[in-house]
Amino acid sequence: MQELREYLVFLKNYGKSRVFNFGRRFENLKDIIVAVLVAKRGRYSTHFLNSSFFLLVAAAVIGGPTIAENNPFVSSLQQEGSATSAGVVSYNPYENSLSTIISVKPRDKIEEYPVKGGDTLASIAKKFDVSVDTIKWANNLKTDVIKPGQILKIPPITGVVHKVASGDNVYSIAKKYGSDAQKIANFPFNDFADLDTFALTSGQILYVPDGVIEEEKPKYIAQRTVIQIQAGVKGASNFIWPTSGGISQYPVWYHMALDIENASAPPILAADTGTVTYAGCLNWGYGCHIIIDHANGYQSLYGHMSSLGVVLGEAVTQGQTVGRMGSTGRSTGTHLHFEVRSGGVLLNPLNFLK
């Protein structure tokens, strides 16, 4: 037992000695390494920074798409809108992605133009894309004679500029100038005291698109051309006319759509086969309307209907009844507002329905 105790004491002292020796050698080695790194810190820091930069670039290239796909903010924006009980997300017809291709900024008010040498009413009218009569009516001109330095008022559209008097309404004004109340409502720069009733404020300026002022000459007599079309007739681009009635407004830059009116409120037909991507009613804008995606890059919209005959997500065939003509939303009378779209851009429907 005595020998065992002596052995254990020896083993303890030996182990302690070895640990202390190892510690001293380690500290000496560490001091040498630190001294080398301090002396070469500029060289090593450059390599470290370069390596870190390339690692960050590689991480961005490899991980960027994955991060974008799983970004909760992007996902929430893509899923914005109302959904049906079946879980189909409805389409918002008023998203900013929708646009009409316009080559120049549209004019929203009367512009004053100083007549220059060589100007004529015809050249000025062509310059501002309005009719000669529009300029004459806006400036109370009885002849075509103008002179340099004269200031002319140029309306933003072809038609009549009307100062609202007490008792005026869009219907009486439209009748006075041989136009259509819906055209007045469609012009985006006309203001109304009440958007539901299209109430006007006495003294305000109202633009009457395609309006005319009756004069003694027959060519100035107010006239309104209404072309009658028949539902179901196929157009040049395989779209069919969606309803029967008269065309009350043709496509223009601020209203790239066809308005087809019919007091009897006939059924509305799908212009082509597709899937309903929106079906709902609003108290403004298009009112009760649907949008059909034709799976070929085109979509069609049917607005102001009195009732809907299809639901969101339903597949429809060309010529199928999808609703009935009405006067809901921003509407002054029973008619169909028909649009053709592609990639969020409004196209001229007449190119598909000729």
Protein backbone atom coordinates (compact mmCIF):
# COMPACT_ATOMS: atom_id res chain seq x y z
CA MET A 1 0.00 0.00 0.00
CA GLN A 2 2.87 2.33 0.83
CA GLU A 3 4.38 1.76 -2.61
CA LEU A 4 1.01 2.38 -4.31
CA ARG A 5 0.64 5.72 -2.55
CA GLU A 6 4.13 6.74 -3.55
CA TYR A 7 3.40 5.76 -7.19
CA LEU A 8 0.22 7.83 -7.29
CA VAL A 9 2.02 10.86 -5.87
CA PHE A 10 4.75 10.47 -8.51
CA LEU A 11 2.15 10.10 -11.29
CA LYS A 12 0.39 13.24 -10.13
CA ASN A 13 3.55 15.32 -10.06
CA TYR A 14 4.67 13.94 -13.44
CA GLY A 15 1.31 14.77 -15.11
CA LYS A 16 1.34 18.28 -13.69
CA SER A 17 4.86 18.83 -14.98
CA ARG A 18 3.93 17.66 -18.50
CA VAL A 19 0.86 19.92 -18.61
CA PHE A 20 2.85 22.95 -17.54
CA ASN A 21 5.53 22.23 -20.12
CA PHE A 22 2.91 21.88 -22.90
CA GLY A 23 1.30 25.15 -21.85
CA ARG A 24 4.59 27.04 -22.03
CA ARG A 25 5.39 25.64 -25.48
CA PHE A 26 1.86 26.51 -26.74
CA GLU A 27 2.12 30.08 -25.48
CA ASN A 28 5.50 30.48 -27.18
CA LEU A 29 4.12 29.15 -30.48
CA LYS A 30 1.05 31.42 -30.24
CA ASP A 31 3.25 34.46 -29.70
CA ILE A 32 5.22 33.60 -32.83
CA ILE A 33 2.02 33.18 -34.94
CA VAL A 34 0.56 36.45 -33.66
CA ALA A 35 3.78 38.27 -34.44
CA VAL A 36 3.76 36.92 -38.03
CA LEU A 37 0.09 37.87 -38.58
CA VAL A 38 0.65 41.37 -37.24
CA ALA A 39 3.67 41.84 -39.45
CA LYS A 40 1.77 40.55 -42.57
CA ARG A 41 -1.65 41.94 -41.74
CA GLY A 42 -1.88 44.07 -44.92
CA ARG A 43 -1.23 41.11 -47.20
CA TYR A 44 -3.63 38.73 -45.45
CA SER A 45 -6.39 41.33 -45.04
CA THR A 46 -6.43 41.92 -48.82
CA HIS A 47 -6.92 38.21 -49.54
CA PHE A 48 -9.59 38.02 -46.88
CA LEU A 49 -11.55 40.95 -48.32
CA ASN A 50 -11.33 39.59 -51.87
CA SER A 51 -12.49 36.16 -50.79
CA SER A 52 -15.38 37.66 -48.78
CA PHE A 53 -16.52 39.74 -51.77
CA PHE A 54 -16.63 36.76 -54.14
CA LEU A 55 -18.46 34.69 -51.53
CA LEU A 56 -21.13 37.42 -51.18
CA VAL A 57 -21.59 37.68 -54.96
CA ALA A 58 -21.92 33.90 -55.29
CA ALA A 59 -24.46 33.81 -52.45
CA ALA A 60 -26.56 36.55 -54.11
CA VAL A 61 -26.57 34.83 -57.52
CA ILE A 62 -27.39 31.40 -56.13
CA GLY A 63 -29.78 32.40 -53.37
CA GLY A 64 -31.46 35.47 -54.92
CA PRO A 65 -34.17 33.67 -56.93
CA THR A 66 -35.07 31.46 -53.98
CA ILE A 67 -35.38 34.46 -51.67
CA ALA A 68 -37.58 36.31 -54.23
CA GLU A 69 -39.90 33.34 -54.69
CA ASN A 70 -40.38 32.96 -50.95
CA ASN A 71 -40.67 36.68 -50.16
CA PRO A 72 -43.90 37.03 -48.13
CA PHE A 73 -44.43 40.62 -49.29
CA VAL A 74 -44.31 39.67 -53.00
CA SER A 75 -46.60 36.71 -52.38
CA SER A 76 -49.14 38.88 -50.60
CA LEU A 77 -49.20 41.37 -53.47
CA GLN A 78 -49.69 38.61 -56.03
CA GLN A 79 -52.55 37.14 -54.03
CA GLU A 80 -54.28 40.45 -53.41
CA GLY A 81 -57.95 40.47 -54.39
CA SER A 82 -61.12 38.73 -53.36
CA ALA A 83 -61.48 34.97 -53.53
CA THR A 84 -64.49 32.76 -53.86
CA SER A 85 -65.30 29.87 -51.54
CA ALA A 86 -63.59 27.60 -54.07
CA GLY A 87 -60.34 29.49 -53.49
CA VAL A 88 -60.07 31.12 -56.94
CA VAL A 89 -58.54 34.59 -56.72
CA SER A 90 -60.60 37.21 -58.54
CA TYR A 91 -59.13 39.69 -60.97
CA ASN A 92 -58.95 43.40 -60.09
CA PRO A 93 -59.97 45.26 -63.26
CA TYR A 94 -58.57 48.55 -61.99
CA GLU A 95 -54.94 47.50 -61.43
CA ASN A 96 -52.31 49.93 -62.64
CA SER A 97 -51.05 47.36 -65.12
CA LEU A 98 -53.99 48.09 -67.36
CA SER A 99 -53.28 50.84 -69.83
CA THR A 100 -54.12 52.18 -73.25
CA ILE A 101 -51.16 52.86 -75.53
CA ILE A 102 -51.12 56.63 -76.11
CA SER A 103 -48.34 58.22 -78.13
CA VAL A 104 -48.53 61.64 -76.45
CA LYS A 105 -49.74 62.96 -73.11
CA PRO A 106 -53.49 63.58 -73.41
CA ARG A 107 -54.69 67.14 -72.91
CA ASP A 108 -57.11 67.59 -70.02
CA LYS A 109 -58.14 71.21 -70.51
CA ILE A 110 -58.42 74.06 -72.99
CA GLU A 111 -55.07 75.25 -74.33
CA GLU A 112 -54.37 78.74 -75.63
CA TYR A 113 -52.55 78.88 -78.95
CA PRO A 114 -51.08 82.07 -80.49
CA VAL A 115 -51.61 82.06 -84.23
CA LYS A 116 -48.37 82.18 -86.24
CA GLY A 117 -47.73 83.33 -89.77
CA GLY A 118 -48.93 80.74 -92.29
CA ASP A 119 -51.33 79.08 -89.84
CA THR A 120 -54.82 78.13 -90.95
CA LEU A 121 -57.69 76.68 -88.98
CA ALA A 122 -57.16 73.40 -90.82
CA SER A 123 -53.44 73.21 -89.94
CA ILE A 124 -54.10 74.11 -86.30
CA ALA A 125 -56.89 71.56 -86.10
CA LYS A 126 -54.57 68.88 -87.48
CA LYS A 127 -51.82 69.89 -85.06
CA PHE A 128 -54.11 69.43 -82.05
CA ASP A 129 -56.12 66.50 -83.50
CA VAL A 130 -59.51 68.20 -83.28
CA SER A 131 -61.97 69.36 -85.91
CA VAL A 132 -62.02 72.82 -87.46
CA ASP A 133 -65.57 73.33 -86.18
CA THR A 134 -64.42 72.53 -82.64
CA ILE A 135 -61.98 75.46 -82.76
CA LYS A 136 -64.56 77.77 -84.35
CA TRP A 137 -67.19 76.94 -81.71
CA ALA A 138 -64.75 77.40 -78.83
CA ASN A 139 -63.73 80.84 -80.14
CA ASN A 140 -67.09 82.03 -81.54
CA LEU A 141 -65.62 82.31 -85.04
CA LYS A 142 -68.08 82.83 -87.85
CA THR A 143 -65.52 82.47 -90.65
CA ASP A 144 -62.24 80.65 -91.24
CA VAL A 145 -60.22 83.87 -91.20
CA ILE A 146 -57.53 84.13 -88.50
CA LYS A 147 -54.50 86.42 -88.15
CA PRO A 148 -51.03 86.12 -86.60
CA GLY A 149 -50.94 86.97 -82.91
CA GLN A 150 -54.56 86.01 -82.38
CA ILE A 151 -55.04 83.76 -79.33
CA LEU A 152 -57.22 80.72 -79.99
CA LYS A 153 -58.71 78.43 -77.36
CA ILE A 154 -58.12 74.79 -78.32
CA PRO A 155 -60.36 72.20 -76.57
CA PRO A 156 -58.79 68.83 -75.68
CA ILE A 157 -61.16 66.83 -77.90
CA THR A 158 -63.37 67.20 -80.93
CA GLY A 159 -66.73 68.45 -79.73
CA VAL A 160 -68.26 71.31 -77.79
CA VAL A 161 -67.11 73.12 -74.65
CA HIS A 162 -70.20 73.88 -72.57
CA LYS A 163 -70.51 76.12 -69.52
CA VAL A 164 -73.08 74.49 -67.24
CA ALA A 165 -76.12 76.62 -66.43
CA SER A 166 -78.65 76.09 -63.67
CA GLY A 167 -80.94 73.18 -64.53
CA ASP A 168 -78.50 71.53 -66.94
CA ASN A 169 -77.80 67.79 -66.75
CA VAL A 170 -75.76 65.41 -68.88
CA TYR A 171 -78.87 64.21 -70.71
CA SER A 172 -80.13 67.68 -71.68
CA ILE A 173 -76.64 68.80 -72.68
CA ALA A 174 -76.08 65.67 -74.77
CA LYS A 175 -79.39 66.21 -76.53
CA LYS A 176 -78.62 69.88 -77.15
CA TYR A 177 -75.39 69.08 -78.94
CA GLY A 178 -76.45 65.88 -80.67
CA SER A 179 -74.11 63.70 -78.60
CA ASP A 180 -74.60 60.93 -76.06
CA ALA A 181 -74.72 61.28 -72.26
CA GLN A 182 -72.47 58.24 -71.90
CA LYS A 183 -69.77 59.95 -73.95
CA ILE A 184 -69.84 62.87 -71.52
CA ALA A 185 -69.56 60.48 -68.59
CA ASN A 186 -66.75 58.54 -70.27
CA PHE A 187 -64.52 61.57 -70.81
CA PRO A 188 -62.06 61.27 -67.88
CA PHE A 189 -61.56 65.02 -67.37
CA ASN A 190 -65.22 65.87 -66.85
CA ASP A 191 -66.01 66.49 -63.17
CA PHE A 192 -69.29 65.65 -61.47
CA ALA A 193 -70.65 66.80 -58.13
CA ASP A 194 -72.08 63.30 -57.64
CA LEU A 195 -70.58 60.35 -59.54
CA ASP A 196 -73.70 58.24 -58.98
CA THR A 197 -76.15 60.70 -60.56
CA PHE A 198 -73.65 62.64 -62.73
CA ALA A 199 -74.84 65.85 -61.11
CA LEU A 200 -73.25 69.06 -62.40
CA THR A 201 -72.25 72.33 -60.75
CA SER A 202 -73.53 75.58 -62.21
CA GLY A 203 -70.71 77.46 -63.92
CA GLN A 204 -68.40 74.48 -64.44
CA ILE A 205 -66.86 73.69 -67.82
CA LEU A 206 -68.08 70.45 -69.40
CA TYR A 207 -66.61 68.80 -72.48
CA VAL A 208 -69.11 67.19 -74.87
CA PRO A 209 -67.24 64.67 -77.09
CA ASP A 210 -68.45 64.66 -80.70
CA GLY A 211 -70.99 67.35 -79.88
CA VAL A 212 -72.02 69.83 -82.58
CA ILE A 213 -73.61 73.27 -82.50
CA GLU A 214 -76.57 73.57 -84.82
CA GLU A 215 -76.15 76.28 -87.41
CA GLU A 216 -78.01 77.40 -90.45
CA LYS A 217 -75.89 75.37 -92.84
CA PRO A 218 -77.13 71.79 -93.20
CA LYS A 219 -73.66 70.36 -92.68
CA TYR A 220 -73.73 71.67 -89.11
CA ILE A 221 -77.07 70.16 -88.19
CA ALA A 222 -76.67 67.93 -85.16
CA GLN A 223 -76.47 64.34 -86.23
CA ARG A 224 -75.76 61.06 -84.51
CA THR A 225 -74.68 57.98 -86.38
CA VAL A 226 -75.69 54.72 -84.76
CA ILE A 227 -74.55 51.60 -86.59
CA GLN A 228 -76.71 48.56 -85.91
CA ILE A 229 -74.88 45.28 -85.32
CA GLN A 230 -76.12 41.75 -84.75
CA ALA A 231 -74.94 39.45 -81.96
CA GLY A 232 -73.17 36.26 -82.96
CA VAL A 233 -71.65 37.50 -86.21
CA LYS A 234 -67.97 36.46 -86.33
CA GLY A 235 -65.32 39.11 -86.84
CA ALA A 236 -62.01 39.01 -88.68
CA SER A 237 -60.10 37.78 -85.63
CA ASN A 238 -62.57 35.03 -84.72
CA PHE A 239 -64.38 37.12 -82.10
CA ILE A 240 -68.14 37.39 -82.45
CA TRP A 241 -70.24 40.47 -81.75
CA PRO A 242 -71.26 40.05 -78.10
CA THR A 243 -74.72 41.58 -78.39
CA SER A 244 -77.20 43.30 -80.69
CA GLY A 245 -77.86 47.02 -80.83
CA GLY A 246 -76.42 50.29 -82.03
CA ILE A 247 -72.85 51.45 -81.57
CA SER A 248 -73.23 54.63 -79.51
CA GLN A 249 -69.50 55.27 -79.02
CA TYR A 250 -66.49 54.11 -80.98
CA PRO A 251 -63.03 53.57 -79.49
CA VAL A 252 -61.08 56.75 -78.69
CA TRP A 253 -57.87 57.32 -76.72
CA TYR A 254 -59.67 57.90 -73.42
CA HIS A 255 -62.28 55.18 -73.99
CA MET A 256 -60.65 52.29 -75.84
CA ALA A 257 -63.85 50.24 -75.99
CA LEU A 258 -67.12 49.83 -77.88
CA ASP A 259 -70.40 51.01 -76.37
CA ILE A 260 -73.36 49.09 -77.80
CA GLU A 261 -76.78 50.36 -76.70
CA ASN A 262 -80.14 48.63 -76.83
CA ALA A 263 -83.14 49.71 -74.76
CA SER A 264 -84.51 46.15 -74.77
CA ALA A 265 -81.49 44.94 -72.71
CA PRO A 266 -80.68 41.81 -74.79
CA PRO A 267 -78.44 38.94 -73.60
CA ILE A 268 -74.65 39.30 -73.71
CA LEU A 269 -72.65 36.55 -75.44
CA ALA A 270 -69.05 35.44 -74.91
CA ALA A 271 -67.05 36.80 -77.83
CA ASP A 272 -64.82 33.72 -77.76
CA THR A 273 -64.18 30.57 -75.76
CA GLY A 274 -62.31 31.00 -72.48
CA THR A 275 -62.40 31.06 -68.68
CA VAL A 276 -64.11 33.66 -66.49
CA THR A 277 -61.37 35.40 -64.46
CA TYR A 278 -63.63 38.05 -62.92
CA ALA A 279 -67.36 38.14 -62.22
CA GLY A 280 -68.75 40.72 -59.84
CA CYS A 281 -70.58 43.99 -59.32
CA LEU A 282 -69.29 47.44 -58.33
CA ASN A 283 -71.22 50.60 -57.51
CA TRP A 284 -68.89 52.52 -59.80
CA GLY A 285 -66.75 52.03 -62.92
CA TYR A 286 -67.76 48.96 -64.93
CA GLY A 287 -70.65 48.13 -62.56
CA CYS A 288 -71.66 44.48 -62.91
CA HIS A 289 -69.15 42.98 -65.33
CA ILE A 290 -67.12 39.93 -66.23
CA ILE A 291 -63.69 39.31 -67.75
CA ILE A 292 -62.94 36.26 -69.90
CA ASP A 293 -59.41 35.00 -70.54
CA HIS A 294 -59.27 33.32 -73.96
CA ALA A 295 -55.95 31.51 -73.31
CA ASN A 296 -54.43 32.97 -76.47
CA GLY A 297 -53.05 36.22 -75.09
CA TYR A 298 -56.38 38.06 -75.27
CA GLN A 299 -59.04 38.89 -72.68
CA SER A 300 -62.46 40.48 -73.16
CA LEU A 301 -64.49 42.57 -70.72
CA TYR A 302 -68.27 43.05 -70.63
CA GLY A 303 -69.40 46.00 -68.49
CA HIS A 304 -72.54 47.65 -67.05
CA MET A 305 -74.61 44.44 -67.15
CA SER A 306 -77.88 44.18 -65.22
CA SER A 307 -77.22 40.54 -64.28
CA LEU A 308 -74.42 37.99 -64.52
CA GLY A 309 -74.96 34.56 -66.02
CA VAL A 310 -71.58 33.01 -65.12
CA VAL A 311 -69.36 32.69 -62.06
CA LEU A 312 -65.67 33.11 -61.39
CA GLY A 313 -63.60 30.23 -62.77
CA GLU A 314 -66.33 28.96 -65.12
CA ALA A 315 -65.34 27.78 -68.61
CA VAL A 316 -67.47 29.33 -71.37
CA THR A 317 -67.79 28.68 -75.07
CA GLN A 318 -68.07 31.20 -77.88
CA GLY A 319 -71.66 32.43 -78.15
CA GLN A 320 -72.67 31.31 -74.64
CA THR A 321 -74.88 33.76 -72.74
CA VAL A 322 -72.84 35.32 -69.93
CA GLY A 323 -75.28 37.99 -68.71
CA ARG A 324 -77.73 40.68 -69.75
CA MET A 325 -77.23 44.26 -70.84
CA GLY A 326 -77.89 46.91 -68.21
CA SER A 327 -76.88 50.28 -66.82
CA THR A 328 -74.88 49.60 -63.66
CA GLY A 329 -71.77 51.46 -62.48
CA ARG A 330 -70.66 54.59 -64.34
CA SER A 331 -73.44 54.45 -66.88
CA THR A 332 -76.11 56.84 -68.14
CA GLY A 333 -78.25 54.32 -70.00
CA THR A 334 -78.69 50.68 -71.00
CA HIS A 335 -75.64 49.60 -72.98
CA LEU A 336 -72.70 47.17 -73.10
CA HIS A 337 -69.15 48.39 -72.59
CA PHE A 338 -66.95 45.91 -74.49
CA GLU A 339 -63.15 45.80 -74.24
CA VAL A 340 -60.41 43.61 -75.71
CA ARG A 341 -57.11 43.38 -73.83
CA SER A 342 -53.70 41.83 -74.27
CA GLY A 343 -50.96 41.87 -71.65
CA GLY A 344 -52.74 44.54 -69.65
CA VAL A 345 -53.11 46.85 -72.67
CA LEU A 346 -56.49 47.94 -74.04
CA LEU A 347 -56.83 47.23 -77.77
CA ASN A 348 -59.24 48.52 -80.37
CA PRO A 349 -62.17 46.04 -80.43
CA LEU A 350 -62.98 46.94 -84.04
CA ASN A 351 -59.76 45.21 -85.11
CA PHE A 352 -61.33 41.95 -83.91
CA LEU A 353 -64.98 42.52 -84.83
CA LYS A 354 -64.87 43.92 -88.37
